Amino acid sequence: MHGWSKVHQSCYQIIHNVTGRQGASDGCKSLGGYLTVISDAQEKAAIQGFQASLGYTTELMYIDGSDAATEDVWVTGAGRVMTYTGFDGGEPNGGTIQNCLVVRPSVLADYICGAILSAICEM
């Protein structure tokens, strides 16, 4: 499991320079994992702590979740409605322009889906 770090109840790896949520998802699959789905506040805190521990204090990173099909209804790439999003103050705030979930140590938010960002994979 080269490159994977045990955090909380899963293993995670950060990948870089992926285009959009689909590119992030494909990149995670190529490593044998999947794009991270944050399922509760404890996992959110663990992932944000993981990012900070690696020095990623300001970089936004894709995680799984989109409301592109129906505004404010967040679903995973597998089509499951998300029961936990854990948005931070003022988020989501992108309307129909920002439809993908991103995270950094200080915020979980919506963001433009086609941006080139890093992503957090889970195994």
PDB file of N, CA and C in Angstrom:
ATOM      1  N   MET A   1       0.838  -1.193   0.000  1.00  0.00           N
ATOM      2  CA  MET A   1       0.000   0.000   0.000  1.00  0.00           C
ATOM      3  C   MET A   1       0.875   1.245   0.000  1.00  0.00           C
ATOM      4  N   HIS A   2       1.808   1.292  -0.918  1.00  0.00           N
ATOM      5  CA  HIS A   2       2.728   2.415  -1.030  1.00  0.00           C
ATOM      6  C   HIS A   2       1.956   3.719  -1.230  1.00  0.00           C
ATOM      7  N   GLY A   3       2.247   4.706  -0.396  1.00  0.00           N
ATOM      8  CA  GLY A   3       1.621   6.011  -0.535  1.00  0.00           C
ATOM      9  C   GLY A   3       0.335   6.187   0.235  1.00  0.00           C
ATOM     10  N   TRP A   4      -0.203   5.117   0.794  1.00  0.00           N
ATOM     11  CA  TRP A   4      -1.453   5.189   1.541  1.00  0.00           C
ATOM     12  C   TRP A   4      -1.155   5.408   3.025  1.00  0.00           C
ATOM     13  N   SER A   5      -1.986   6.227   3.681  1.00  0.00           N
ATOM     14  CA  SER A   5      -1.838   6.504   5.113  1.00  0.00           C
ATOM     15  C   SER A   5      -3.100   6.094   5.843  1.00  0.00           C
ATOM     16  N   LYS A   6      -2.927   5.348   6.946  1.00  0.00           N
ATOM     17  CA  LYS A   6      -4.065   4.937   7.772  1.00  0.00           C
ATOM     18  C   LYS A   6      -4.504   6.130   8.618  1.00  0.00           C
ATOM     19  N   VAL A   7      -5.749   6.540   8.443  1.00  0.00           N
ATOM     20  CA  VAL A   7      -6.329   7.657   9.192  1.00  0.00           C
ATOM     21  C   VAL A   7      -7.761   7.273   9.526  1.00  0.00           C
ATOM     22  N   HIS A   8      -8.154   7.477  10.777  1.00  0.00           N
ATOM     23  CA  HIS A   8      -9.510   7.164  11.207  1.00  0.00           C
ATOM     24  C   HIS A   8      -9.760   5.680  10.950  1.00  0.00           C
ATOM     25  N   GLN A   9     -10.694   5.324  10.091  1.00  0.00           N
ATOM     26  CA  GLN A   9     -11.027   3.924   9.849  1.00  0.00           C
ATOM     27  C   GLN A   9     -10.696   3.459   8.438  1.00  0.00           C
ATOM     28  N   SER A  10      -9.959   4.289   7.685  1.00  0.00           N
ATOM     29  CA  SER A  10      -9.628   3.947   6.299  1.00  0.00           C
ATOM     30  C   SER A  10      -8.190   4.335   6.003  1.00  0.00           C
ATOM     31  N   CYS A  11      -7.778   4.061   4.781  1.00  0.00           N
ATOM     32  CA  CYS A  11      -6.479   4.506   4.295  1.00  0.00           C
ATOM     33  C   CYS A  11      -6.722   5.561   3.214  1.00  0.00           C
ATOM     34  N   TYR A  12      -5.886   6.591   3.211  1.00  0.00           N
ATOM     35  CA  TYR A  12      -6.068   7.717   2.300  1.00  0.00           C
ATOM     36  C   TYR A  12      -4.768   8.022   1.575  1.00  0.00           C
ATOM     37  N   GLN A  13      -4.922   8.593   0.382  1.00  0.00           N
ATOM     38  CA  GLN A  13      -3.785   9.057  -0.402  1.00  0.00           C
ATOM     39  C   GLN A  13      -4.211  10.307  -1.158  1.00  0.00           C
ATOM     40  N   ILE A  14      -3.321  11.259  -1.235  1.00  0.00           N
ATOM     41  CA  ILE A  14      -3.589  12.487  -1.986  1.00  0.00           C
ATOM     42  C   ILE A  14      -2.949  12.355  -3.360  1.00  0.00           C
ATOM     43  N   ILE A  15      -3.735  12.663  -4.394  1.00  0.00           N
ATOM     44  CA  ILE A  15      -3.218  12.696  -5.761  1.00  0.00           C
ATOM     45  C   ILE A  15      -3.293  14.135  -6.248  1.00  0.00           C
ATOM     46  N   HIS A  16      -2.461  14.476  -7.199  1.00  0.00           N
ATOM     47  CA  HIS A  16      -2.331  15.878  -7.618  1.00  0.00           C
ATOM     48  C   HIS A  16      -2.654  16.072  -9.094  1.00  0.00           C
ATOM     49  N   ASN A  17      -3.013  17.313  -9.409  1.00  0.00           N
ATOM     50  CA  ASN A  17      -3.222  17.758 -10.790  1.00  0.00           C
ATOM     51  C   ASN A  17      -4.243  16.927 -11.550  1.00  0.00           C
ATOM     52  N   VAL A  18      -5.413  16.757 -10.932  1.00  0.00           N
ATOM     53  CA  VAL A  18      -6.505  16.069 -11.616  1.00  0.00           C
ATOM     54  C   VAL A  18      -7.524  17.107 -12.074  1.00  0.00           C
ATOM     55  N   THR A  19      -8.139  16.850 -13.202  1.00  0.00           N
ATOM     56  CA  THR A  19      -9.116  17.787 -13.741  1.00  0.00           C
ATOM     57  C   THR A  19     -10.514  17.290 -13.438  1.00  0.00           C
ATOM     58  N   GLY A  20     -11.208  18.001 -12.599  1.00  0.00           N
ATOM     59  CA  GLY A  20     -12.594  17.704 -12.288  1.00  0.00           C
ATOM     60  C   GLY A  20     -12.782  16.488 -11.397  1.00  0.00           C
ATOM     61  N   ARG A  21     -14.017  16.353 -10.949  1.00  0.00           N
ATOM     62  CA  ARG A  21     -14.349  15.222 -10.081  1.00  0.00           C
ATOM     63  C   ARG A  21     -14.161  13.901 -10.809  1.00  0.00           C
ATOM     64  N   GLN A  22     -14.499  13.842 -12.093  1.00  0.00           N
ATOM     65  CA  GLN A  22     -14.323  12.595 -12.841  1.00  0.00           C
ATOM     66  C   GLN A  22     -12.852  12.229 -12.962  1.00  0.00           C
ATOM     67  N   GLY A  23     -12.011  13.210 -13.237  1.00  0.00           N
ATOM     68  CA  GLY A  23     -10.575  12.955 -13.288  1.00  0.00           C
ATOM     69  C   GLY A  23     -10.038  12.496 -11.946  1.00  0.00           C
ATOM     70  N   ALA A  24     -10.561  13.076 -10.864  1.00  0.00           N
ATOM     71  CA  ALA A  24     -10.164  12.666  -9.518  1.00  0.00           C
ATOM     72  C   ALA A  24     -10.601  11.228  -9.252  1.00  0.00           C
ATOM     73  N   SER A  25     -11.830  10.920  -9.614  1.00  0.00           N
ATOM     74  CA  SER A  25     -12.355   9.574  -9.420  1.00  0.00           C
ATOM     75  C   SER A  25     -11.541   8.547 -10.217  1.00  0.00           C
ATOM     76  N   ASP A  26     -11.245   8.876 -11.465  1.00  0.00           N
ATOM     77  CA  ASP A  26     -10.447   7.970 -12.307  1.00  0.00           C
ATOM     78  C   ASP A  26      -9.050   7.762 -11.727  1.00  0.00           C
ATOM     79  N   GLY A  27      -8.450   8.837 -11.221  1.00  0.00           N
ATOM     80  CA  GLY A  27      -7.130   8.740 -10.620  1.00  0.00           C
ATOM     81  C   GLY A  27      -7.133   7.842  -9.394  1.00  0.00           C
ATOM     82  N   CYS A  28      -8.152   7.959  -8.573  1.00  0.00           N
ATOM     83  CA  CYS A  28      -8.265   7.104  -7.386  1.00  0.00           C
ATOM     84  C   CYS A  28      -8.453   5.642  -7.787  1.00  0.00           C
ATOM     85  N   LYS A  29      -9.296   5.400  -8.789  1.00  0.00           N
ATOM     86  CA  LYS A  29      -9.524   4.019  -9.253  1.00  0.00           C
ATOM     87  C   LYS A  29      -8.237   3.395  -9.775  1.00  0.00           C
ATOM     88  N   SER A  30      -7.397   4.197 -10.425  1.00  0.00           N
ATOM     89  CA  SER A  30      -6.146   3.661 -10.965  1.00  0.00           C
ATOM     90  C   SER A  30      -5.194   3.212  -9.852  1.00  0.00           C
ATOM     91  N   LEU A  31      -5.428   3.693  -8.634  1.00  0.00           N
ATOM     92  CA  LEU A  31      -4.618   3.303  -7.479  1.00  0.00           C
ATOM     93  C   LEU A  31      -5.277   2.196  -6.660  1.00  0.00           C
ATOM     94  N   GLY A  32      -6.447   1.749  -7.117  1.00  0.00           N
ATOM     95  CA  GLY A  32      -7.167   0.707  -6.392  1.00  0.00           C
ATOM     96  C   GLY A  32      -8.092   1.241  -5.320  1.00  0.00           C
ATOM     97  N   GLY A  33      -8.347   2.530  -5.340  1.00  0.00           N
ATOM     98  CA  GLY A  33      -9.217   3.148  -4.335  1.00  0.00           C
ATOM     99  C   GLY A  33     -10.401   3.835  -4.981  1.00  0.00           C
ATOM    100  N   TYR A  34     -10.955   4.765  -4.256  1.00  0.00           N
ATOM    101  CA  TYR A  34     -12.092   5.545  -4.740  1.00  0.00           C
ATOM    102  C   TYR A  34     -12.017   6.934  -4.143  1.00  0.00           C
ATOM    103  N   LEU A  35     -12.708   7.872  -4.756  1.00  0.00           N
ATOM    104  CA  LEU A  35     -12.737   9.244  -4.273  1.00  0.00           C
ATOM    105  C   LEU A  35     -13.435   9.268  -2.915  1.00  0.00           C
ATOM    106  N   THR A  36     -12.812   9.878  -1.943  1.00  0.00           N
ATOM    107  CA  THR A  36     -13.294   9.879  -0.565  1.00  0.00           C
ATOM    108  C   THR A  36     -14.708  10.429  -0.441  1.00  0.00           C
ATOM    109  N   VAL A  37     -15.512   9.712   0.331  1.00  0.00           N
ATOM    110  CA  VAL A  37     -16.839  10.190   0.736  1.00  0.00           C
ATOM    111  C   VAL A  37     -16.763  10.433   2.234  1.00  0.00           C
ATOM    112  N   ILE A  38     -17.006  11.659   2.665  1.00  0.00           N
ATOM    113  CA  ILE A  38     -17.002  11.955   4.099  1.00  0.00           C
ATOM    114  C   ILE A  38     -18.370  11.601   4.650  1.00  0.00           C
ATOM    115  N   SER A  39     -18.381  10.648   5.592  1.00  0.00           N
ATOM    116  CA  SER A  39     -19.661  10.120   6.075  1.00  0.00           C
ATOM    117  C   SER A  39     -20.119  10.697   7.410  1.00  0.00           C
ATOM    118  N   ASP A  40     -19.224  11.338   8.156  1.00  0.00           N
ATOM    119  CA  ASP A  40     -19.632  11.921   9.439  1.00  0.00           C
ATOM    120  C   ASP A  40     -18.607  12.955   9.888  1.00  0.00           C
ATOM    121  N   ALA A  41     -18.927  13.653  10.981  1.00  0.00           N
ATOM    122  CA  ALA A  41     -18.067  14.726  11.475  1.00  0.00           C
ATOM    123  C   ALA A  41     -16.697  14.208  11.908  1.00  0.00           C
ATOM    124  N   GLN A  42     -16.637  13.000  12.444  1.00  0.00           N
ATOM    125  CA  GLN A  42     -15.362  12.443  12.869  1.00  0.00           C
ATOM    126  C   GLN A  42     -14.445  12.188  11.672  1.00  0.00           C
ATOM    127  N   GLU A  43     -15.011  11.656  10.593  1.00  0.00           N
ATOM    128  CA  GLU A  43     -14.205  11.426   9.396  1.00  0.00           C
ATOM    129  C   GLU A  43     -13.764  12.751   8.785  1.00  0.00           C
ATOM    130  N   LYS A  44     -14.652  13.737   8.780  1.00  0.00           N
ATOM    131  CA  LYS A  44     -14.284  15.067   8.273  1.00  0.00           C
ATOM    132  C   LYS A  44     -13.096  15.612   9.052  1.00  0.00           C
ATOM    133  N   ALA A  45     -13.151  15.560  10.371  1.00  0.00           N
ATOM    134  CA  ALA A  45     -12.063  16.069  11.207  1.00  0.00           C
ATOM    135  C   ALA A  45     -10.781  15.291  10.950  1.00  0.00           C
ATOM    136  N   ALA A  46     -10.887  13.966  10.795  1.00  0.00           N
ATOM    137  CA  ALA A  46      -9.706  13.137  10.545  1.00  0.00           C
ATOM    138  C   ALA A  46      -9.062  13.483   9.204  1.00  0.00           C
ATOM    139  N   ILE A  47      -9.869  13.664   8.172  1.00  0.00           N
ATOM    140  CA  ILE A  47      -9.342  14.000   6.846  1.00  0.00           C
ATOM    141  C   ILE A  47      -8.713  15.385   6.855  1.00  0.00           C
ATOM    142  N   GLN A  48      -9.376  16.337   7.492  1.00  0.00           N
ATOM    143  CA  GLN A  48      -8.810  17.682   7.551  1.00  0.00           C
ATOM    144  C   GLN A  48      -7.507  17.686   8.362  1.00  0.00           C
ATOM    145  N   GLY A  49      -7.432  16.878   9.413  1.00  0.00           N
ATOM    146  CA  GLY A  49      -6.201  16.746  10.174  1.00  0.00           C
ATOM    147  C   GLY A  49      -5.093  16.104   9.348  1.00  0.00           C
ATOM    148  N   PHE A  50      -5.468  15.107   8.548  1.00  0.00           N
ATOM    149  CA  PHE A  50      -4.523  14.441   7.641  1.00  0.00           C
ATOM    150  C   PHE A  50      -3.943  15.453   6.661  1.00  0.00           C
ATOM    151  N   GLN A  51      -4.796  16.270   6.053  1.00  0.00           N
ATOM    152  CA  GLN A  51      -4.321  17.294   5.127  1.00  0.00           C
ATOM    153  C   GLN A  51      -3.331  18.236   5.824  1.00  0.00           C
ATOM    154  N   ALA A  52      -3.711  18.724   6.983  1.00  0.00           N
ATOM    155  CA  ALA A  52      -2.871  19.671   7.717  1.00  0.00           C
ATOM    156  C   ALA A  52      -1.538  19.037   8.108  1.00  0.00           C
ATOM    157  N   SER A  53      -1.568  17.764   8.508  1.00  0.00           N
ATOM    158  CA  SER A  53      -0.331  17.092   8.935  1.00  0.00           C
ATOM    159  C   SER A  53       0.672  16.957   7.792  1.00  0.00           C
ATOM    160  N   LEU A  54       0.188  16.978   6.565  1.00  0.00           N
ATOM    161  CA  LEU A  54       1.057  16.892   5.389  1.00  0.00           C
ATOM    162  C   LEU A  54       1.429  18.275   4.845  1.00  0.00           C
ATOM    163  N   GLY A  55       0.970  19.326   5.532  1.00  0.00           N
ATOM    164  CA  GLY A  55       1.302  20.685   5.135  1.00  0.00           C
ATOM    165  C   GLY A  55       0.352  21.322   4.146  1.00  0.00           C
ATOM    166  N   TYR A  56      -0.752  20.640   3.843  1.00  0.00           N
ATOM    167  CA  TYR A  56      -1.740  21.200   2.913  1.00  0.00           C
ATOM    168  C   TYR A  56      -2.750  22.027   3.704  1.00  0.00           C
ATOM    169  N   THR A  57      -2.400  23.272   3.999  1.00  0.00           N
ATOM    170  CA  THR A  57      -3.279  24.085   4.841  1.00  0.00           C
ATOM    171  C   THR A  57      -4.238  24.968   4.052  1.00  0.00           C
ATOM    172  N   THR A  58      -3.929  25.239   2.793  1.00  0.00           N
ATOM    173  CA  THR A  58      -4.799  26.114   2.005  1.00  0.00           C
ATOM    174  C   THR A  58      -5.310  25.478   0.719  1.00  0.00           C
ATOM    175  N   GLU A  59      -4.745  24.343   0.321  1.00  0.00           N
ATOM    176  CA  GLU A  59      -5.089  23.736  -0.969  1.00  0.00           C
ATOM    177  C   GLU A  59      -6.431  23.014  -0.918  1.00  0.00           C
ATOM    178  N   LEU A  60      -7.328  23.379  -1.832  1.00  0.00           N
ATOM    179  CA  LEU A  60      -8.592  22.669  -1.969  1.00  0.00           C
ATOM    180  C   LEU A  60      -8.354  21.322  -2.636  1.00  0.00           C
ATOM    181  N   MET A  61      -9.080  20.306  -2.182  1.00  0.00           N
ATOM    182  CA  MET A  61      -8.963  18.968  -2.749  1.00  0.00           C
ATOM    183  C   MET A  61     -10.340  18.369  -2.973  1.00  0.00           C
ATOM    184  N   TYR A  62     -10.504  17.741  -4.135  1.00  0.00           N
ATOM    185  CA  TYR A  62     -11.771  17.076  -4.431  1.00  0.00           C
ATOM    186  C   TYR A  62     -12.015  15.909  -3.475  1.00  0.00           C
ATOM    187  N   ILE A  63     -13.259  15.776  -3.079  1.00  0.00           N
ATOM    188  CA  ILE A  63     -13.784  14.571  -2.454  1.00  0.00           C
ATOM    189  C   ILE A  63     -15.059  14.241  -3.222  1.00  0.00           C
ATOM    190  N   ASP A  64     -15.648  13.080  -2.977  1.00  0.00           N
ATOM    191  CA  ASP A  64     -16.829  12.683  -3.743  1.00  0.00           C
ATOM    192  C   ASP A  64     -18.057  13.449  -3.273  1.00  0.00           C
ATOM    193  N   GLY A  65     -18.846  13.889  -4.223  1.00  0.00           N
ATOM    194  CA  GLY A  65     -20.102  14.578  -3.958  1.00  0.00           C
ATOM    195  C   GLY A  65     -20.356  15.659  -4.980  1.00  0.00           C
ATOM    196  N   SER A  66     -21.584  15.694  -5.482  1.00  0.00           N
ATOM    197  CA  SER A  66     -21.966  16.692  -6.464  1.00  0.00           C
ATOM    198  C   SER A  66     -23.460  16.983  -6.361  1.00  0.00           C
ATOM    199  N   ASP A  67     -23.818  18.234  -6.635  1.00  0.00           N
ATOM    200  CA  ASP A  67     -25.236  18.581  -6.730  1.00  0.00           C
ATOM    201  C   ASP A  67     -25.562  19.100  -8.132  1.00  0.00           C
ATOM    202  N   ALA A  68     -24.817  18.613  -9.130  1.00  0.00           N
ATOM    203  CA  ALA A  68     -25.008  19.067 -10.513  1.00  0.00           C
ATOM    204  C   ALA A  68     -26.383  18.701 -11.064  1.00  0.00           C
ATOM    205  N   ALA A  69     -26.912  17.541 -10.698  1.00  0.00           N
ATOM    206  CA  ALA A  69     -28.207  17.105 -11.237  1.00  0.00           C
ATOM    207  C   ALA A  69     -29.364  17.889 -10.634  1.00  0.00           C
ATOM    208  N   THR A  70     -29.326  18.099  -9.316  1.00  0.00           N
ATOM    209  CA  THR A  70     -30.377  18.838  -8.616  1.00  0.00           C
ATOM    210  C   THR A  70     -29.711  19.703  -7.554  1.00  0.00           C
ATOM    211  N   GLU A  71     -29.865  21.005  -7.669  1.00  0.00           N
ATOM    212  CA  GLU A  71     -29.237  21.933  -6.737  1.00  0.00           C
ATOM    213  C   GLU A  71     -29.579  21.597  -5.288  1.00  0.00           C
ATOM    214  N   ASP A  72     -28.545  21.534  -4.461  1.00  0.00           N
ATOM    215  CA  ASP A  72     -28.632  21.263  -3.016  1.00  0.00           C
ATOM    216  C   ASP A  72     -29.003  19.822  -2.663  1.00  0.00           C
ATOM    217  N   VAL A  73     -29.036  18.933  -3.647  1.00  0.00           N
ATOM    218  CA  VAL A  73     -29.177  17.500  -3.367  1.00  0.00           C
ATOM    219  C   VAL A  73     -27.836  16.879  -3.731  1.00  0.00           C
ATOM    220  N   TRP A  74     -27.045  16.560  -2.710  1.00  0.00           N
ATOM    221  CA  TRP A  74     -25.682  16.074  -2.910  1.00  0.00           C
ATOM    222  C   TRP A  74     -25.681  14.566  -3.030  1.00  0.00           C
ATOM    223  N   VAL A  75     -25.061  14.081  -4.108  1.00  0.00           N
ATOM    224  CA  VAL A  75     -24.992  12.646  -4.362  1.00  0.00           C
ATOM    225  C   VAL A  75     -23.546  12.238  -4.647  1.00  0.00           C
ATOM    226  N   THR A  76     -23.238  10.975  -4.381  1.00  0.00           N
ATOM    227  CA  THR A  76     -21.923  10.430  -4.681  1.00  0.00           C
ATOM    228  C   THR A  76     -21.841  10.084  -6.158  1.00  0.00           C
ATOM    229  N   GLY A  77     -20.657   9.758  -6.608  1.00  0.00           N
ATOM    230  CA  GLY A  77     -20.471   9.320  -7.990  1.00  0.00           C
ATOM    231  C   GLY A  77     -21.237   8.047  -8.299  1.00  0.00           C
ATOM    232  N   ALA A  78     -21.536   7.257  -7.254  1.00  0.00           N
ATOM    233  CA  ALA A  78     -22.323   6.033  -7.423  1.00  0.00           C
ATOM    234  C   ALA A  78     -23.825   6.318  -7.419  1.00  0.00           C
ATOM    235  N   GLY A  79     -24.205   7.589  -7.236  1.00  0.00           N
ATOM    236  CA  GLY A  79     -25.617   7.967  -7.285  1.00  0.00           C
ATOM    237  C   GLY A  79     -26.350   7.910  -5.954  1.00  0.00           C
ATOM    238  N   ARG A  80     -25.638   7.667  -4.855  1.00  0.00           N
ATOM    239  CA  ARG A  80     -26.286   7.624  -3.536  1.00  0.00           C
ATOM    240  C   ARG A  80     -26.419   9.034  -2.969  1.00  0.00           C
ATOM    241  N   VAL A  81     -27.607   9.363  -2.469  1.00  0.00           N
ATOM    242  CA  VAL A  81     -27.812  10.656  -1.832  1.00  0.00           C
ATOM    243  C   VAL A  81     -26.984  10.694  -0.546  1.00  0.00           C
ATOM    244  N   MET A  82     -26.266  11.777  -0.360  1.00  0.00           N
ATOM    245  CA  MET A  82     -25.403  11.910   0.807  1.00  0.00           C
ATOM    246  C   MET A  82     -26.224  12.383   2.007  1.00  0.00           C
ATOM    247  N   THR A  83     -26.095  11.683   3.114  1.00  0.00           N
ATOM    248  CA  THR A  83     -26.821  12.060   4.325  1.00  0.00           C
ATOM    249  C   THR A  83     -26.004  13.007   5.195  1.00  0.00           C
ATOM    250  N   TYR A  84     -24.700  13.090   4.950  1.00  0.00           N
ATOM    251  CA  TYR A  84     -23.836  14.021   5.683  1.00  0.00           C
ATOM    252  C   TYR A  84     -23.010  14.799   4.679  1.00  0.00           C
ATOM    253  N   THR A  85     -23.039  16.121   4.793  1.00  0.00           N
ATOM    254  CA  THR A  85     -22.155  16.944   3.973  1.00  0.00           C
ATOM    255  C   THR A  85     -21.200  17.742   4.856  1.00  0.00           C
ATOM    256  N   GLY A  86     -21.649  18.207   6.013  1.00  0.00           N
ATOM    257  CA  GLY A  86     -20.760  18.899   6.945  1.00  0.00           C
ATOM    258  C   GLY A  86     -20.203  20.206   6.438  1.00  0.00           C
ATOM    259  N   PHE A  87     -20.985  20.930   5.663  1.00  0.00           N
ATOM    260  CA  PHE A  87     -20.514  22.214   5.142  1.00  0.00           C
ATOM    261  C   PHE A  87     -20.151  23.159   6.277  1.00  0.00           C
ATOM    262  N   ASP A  88     -19.131  23.967   6.036  1.00  0.00           N
ATOM    263  CA  ASP A  88     -18.736  24.979   7.003  1.00  0.00           C
ATOM    264  C   ASP A  88     -19.461  26.281   6.702  1.00  0.00           C
ATOM    265  N   GLY A  89     -19.405  27.211   7.638  1.00  0.00           N
ATOM    266  CA  GLY A  89     -20.141  28.472   7.577  1.00  0.00           C
ATOM    267  C   GLY A  89     -20.136  29.136   6.214  1.00  0.00           C
ATOM    268  N   GLY A  90     -21.322  29.488   5.742  1.00  0.00           N
ATOM    269  CA  GLY A  90     -21.472  30.168   4.469  1.00  0.00           C
ATOM    270  C   GLY A  90     -21.460  29.258   3.253  1.00  0.00           C
ATOM    271  N   GLU A  91     -21.268  27.981   3.457  1.00  0.00           N
ATOM    272  CA  GLU A  91     -21.226  27.017   2.354  1.00  0.00           C
ATOM    273  C   GLU A  91     -22.467  26.127   2.392  1.00  0.00           C
ATOM    274  N   PRO A  92     -22.898  25.613   1.282  1.00  0.00           N
ATOM    275  CA  PRO A  92     -22.416  25.889  -0.071  1.00  0.00           C
ATOM    276  C   PRO A  92     -22.866  27.269  -0.527  1.00  0.00           C
ATOM    277  N   ASN A  93     -22.066  27.908  -1.348  1.00  0.00           N
ATOM    278  CA  ASN A  93     -22.398  29.260  -1.776  1.00  0.00           C
ATOM    279  C   ASN A  93     -22.221  29.487  -3.273  1.00  0.00           C
ATOM    280  N   GLY A  94     -22.027  28.417  -4.034  1.00  0.00           N
ATOM    281  CA  GLY A  94     -21.734  28.578  -5.456  1.00  0.00           C
ATOM    282  C   GLY A  94     -22.910  28.434  -6.395  1.00  0.00           C
ATOM    283  N   GLY A  95     -24.115  28.174  -5.839  1.00  0.00           N
ATOM    284  CA  GLY A  95     -25.278  28.012  -6.702  1.00  0.00           C
ATOM    285  C   GLY A  95     -25.051  26.937  -7.741  1.00  0.00           C
ATOM    286  N   THR A  96     -25.523  27.195  -8.958  1.00  0.00           N
ATOM    287  CA  THR A  96     -25.412  26.188 -10.016  1.00  0.00           C
ATOM    288  C   THR A  96     -24.051  26.208 -10.702  1.00  0.00           C
ATOM    289  N   ILE A  97     -23.156  27.107 -10.293  1.00  0.00           N
ATOM    290  CA  ILE A  97     -21.825  27.190 -10.891  1.00  0.00           C
ATOM    291  C   ILE A  97     -20.845  26.263 -10.183  1.00  0.00           C
ATOM    292  N   GLN A  98     -21.001  26.109  -8.877  1.00  0.00           N
ATOM    293  CA  GLN A  98     -20.103  25.278  -8.082  1.00  0.00           C
ATOM    294  C   GLN A  98     -20.860  24.040  -7.617  1.00  0.00           C
ATOM    295  N   ASN A  99     -20.564  22.896  -8.218  1.00  0.00           N
ATOM    296  CA  ASN A  99     -21.354  21.685  -7.966  1.00  0.00           C
ATOM    297  C   ASN A  99     -20.561  20.500  -7.430  1.00  0.00           C
ATOM    298  N   CYS A 100     -19.290  20.684  -7.100  1.00  0.00           N
ATOM    299  CA  CYS A 100     -18.482  19.581  -6.596  1.00  0.00           C
ATOM    300  C   CYS A 100     -17.978  19.884  -5.192  1.00  0.00           C
ATOM    301  N   LEU A 101     -17.830  18.837  -4.381  1.00  0.00           N
ATOM    302  CA  LEU A 101     -17.335  19.002  -3.022  1.00  0.00           C
ATOM    303  C   LEU A 101     -15.818  19.061  -3.008  1.00  0.00           C
ATOM    304  N   VAL A 102     -15.300  19.975  -2.197  1.00  0.00           N
ATOM    305  CA  VAL A 102     -13.868  20.087  -1.946  1.00  0.00           C
ATOM    306  C   VAL A 102     -13.661  20.253  -0.453  1.00  0.00           C
ATOM    307  N   VAL A 103     -12.434  19.949  -0.019  1.00  0.00           N
ATOM    308  CA  VAL A 103     -12.104  20.077   1.394  1.00  0.00           C
ATOM    309  C   VAL A 103     -10.686  20.621   1.535  1.00  0.00           C
ATOM    310  N   ARG A 104     -10.472  21.361   2.588  1.00  0.00           N
ATOM    311  CA  ARG A 104      -9.142  21.737   3.068  1.00  0.00           C
ATOM    312  C   ARG A 104      -9.257  21.796   4.589  1.00  0.00           C
ATOM    313  N   PRO A 105      -8.167  21.923   5.321  1.00  0.00           N
ATOM    314  CA  PRO A 105      -8.269  21.828   6.776  1.00  0.00           C
ATOM    315  C   PRO A 105      -9.250  22.800   7.439  1.00  0.00           C
ATOM    316  N   SER A 106      -9.550  23.902   6.806  1.00  0.00           N
ATOM    317  CA  SER A 106     -10.428  24.869   7.450  1.00  0.00           C
ATOM    318  C   SER A 106     -11.853  24.913   6.892  1.00  0.00           C
ATOM    319  N   VAL A 107     -12.135  24.171   5.807  1.00  0.00           N
ATOM    320  CA  VAL A 107     -13.464  24.305   5.198  1.00  0.00           C
ATOM    321  C   VAL A 107     -13.822  23.082   4.350  1.00  0.00           C
ATOM    322  N   LEU A 108     -15.100  22.761   4.352  1.00  0.00           N
ATOM    323  CA  LEU A 108     -15.684  21.818   3.398  1.00  0.00           C
ATOM    324  C   LEU A 108     -16.686  22.641   2.610  1.00  0.00           C
ATOM    325  N   ALA A 109     -16.560  22.663   1.290  1.00  0.00           N
ATOM    326  CA  ALA A 109     -17.312  23.610   0.483  1.00  0.00           C
ATOM    327  C   ALA A 109     -17.655  23.042  -0.884  1.00  0.00           C
ATOM    328  N   ASP A 110     -18.460  23.815  -1.620  1.00  0.00           N
ATOM    329  CA  ASP A 110     -18.714  23.507  -3.020  1.00  0.00           C
ATOM    330  C   ASP A 110     -17.717  24.300  -3.865  1.00  0.00           C
ATOM    331  N   TYR A 111     -17.420  23.760  -5.062  1.00  0.00           N
ATOM    332  CA  TYR A 111     -16.429  24.404  -5.919  1.00  0.00           C
ATOM    333  C   TYR A 111     -16.705  24.022  -7.367  1.00  0.00           C
ATOM    334  N   ILE A 112     -16.051  24.717  -8.274  1.00  0.00           N
ATOM    335  CA  ILE A 112     -16.199  24.464  -9.709  1.00  0.00           C
ATOM    336  C   ILE A 112     -15.709  23.046 -10.028  1.00  0.00           C
ATOM    337  N   CYS A 113     -16.495  22.304 -10.783  1.00  0.00           N
ATOM    338  CA  CYS A 113     -16.172  20.894 -11.061  1.00  0.00           C
ATOM    339  C   CYS A 113     -15.034  20.676 -12.029  1.00  0.00           C
ATOM    340  N   GLY A 114     -14.728  21.614 -12.881  1.00  0.00           N
ATOM    341  CA  GLY A 114     -13.712  21.409 -13.896  1.00  0.00           C
ATOM    342  C   GLY A 114     -12.333  21.925 -13.549  1.00  0.00           C
ATOM    343  N   ALA A 115     -12.141  22.372 -12.317  1.00  0.00           N
ATOM    344  CA  ALA A 115     -10.846  22.936 -11.918  1.00  0.00           C
ATOM    345  C   ALA A 115      -9.776  21.838 -11.814  1.00  0.00           C
ATOM    346  N   ILE A 116      -8.534  22.233 -11.968  1.00  0.00           N
ATOM    347  CA  ILE A 116      -7.404  21.326 -11.763  1.00  0.00           C
ATOM    348  C   ILE A 116      -6.982  21.461 -10.298  1.00  0.00           C
ATOM    349  N   LEU A 117      -7.201  20.390  -9.541  1.00  0.00           N
ATOM    350  CA  LEU A 117      -6.921  20.378  -8.109  1.00  0.00           C
ATOM    351  C   LEU A 117      -6.270  19.061  -7.737  1.00  0.00           C
ATOM    352  N   SER A 118      -6.001  18.902  -6.462  1.00  0.00           N
ATOM    353  CA  SER A 118      -5.631  17.608  -5.910  1.00  0.00           C
ATOM    354  C   SER A 118      -6.911  16.926  -5.459  1.00  0.00           C
ATOM    355  N   ALA A 119      -6.792  15.667  -5.053  1.00  0.00           N
ATOM    356  CA  ALA A 119      -7.962  14.922  -4.588  1.00  0.00           C
ATOM    357  C   ALA A 119      -7.536  13.960  -3.495  1.00  0.00           C
ATOM    358  N   ILE A 120      -8.491  13.556  -2.683  1.00  0.00           N
ATOM    359  CA  ILE A 120      -8.217  12.590  -1.618  1.00  0.00           C
ATOM    360  C   ILE A 120      -8.886  11.281  -1.970  1.00  0.00           C
ATOM    361  N   CYS A 121      -8.048  10.253  -2.101  1.00  0.00           N
ATOM    362  CA  CYS A 121      -8.526   8.910  -2.404  1.00  0.00           C
ATOM    363  C   CYS A 121      -8.629   8.107  -1.111  1.00  0.00           C
ATOM    364  N   GLU A 122      -9.512   7.138  -1.127  1.00  0.00           N
ATOM    365  CA  GLU A 122      -9.740   6.284   0.043  1.00  0.00           C
ATOM    366  C   GLU A 122      -9.684   4.814  -0.388  1.00  0.00           C
ATOM    367  N   MET A 123      -9.209   3.992   0.531  1.00  0.00           N
ATOM    368  CA  MET A 123      -9.177   2.545   0.266  1.00  0.00           C
ATOM    369  C   MET A 123      -9.682   1.823   1.503  1.00  0.00           C
TER     370      MET A 123
END
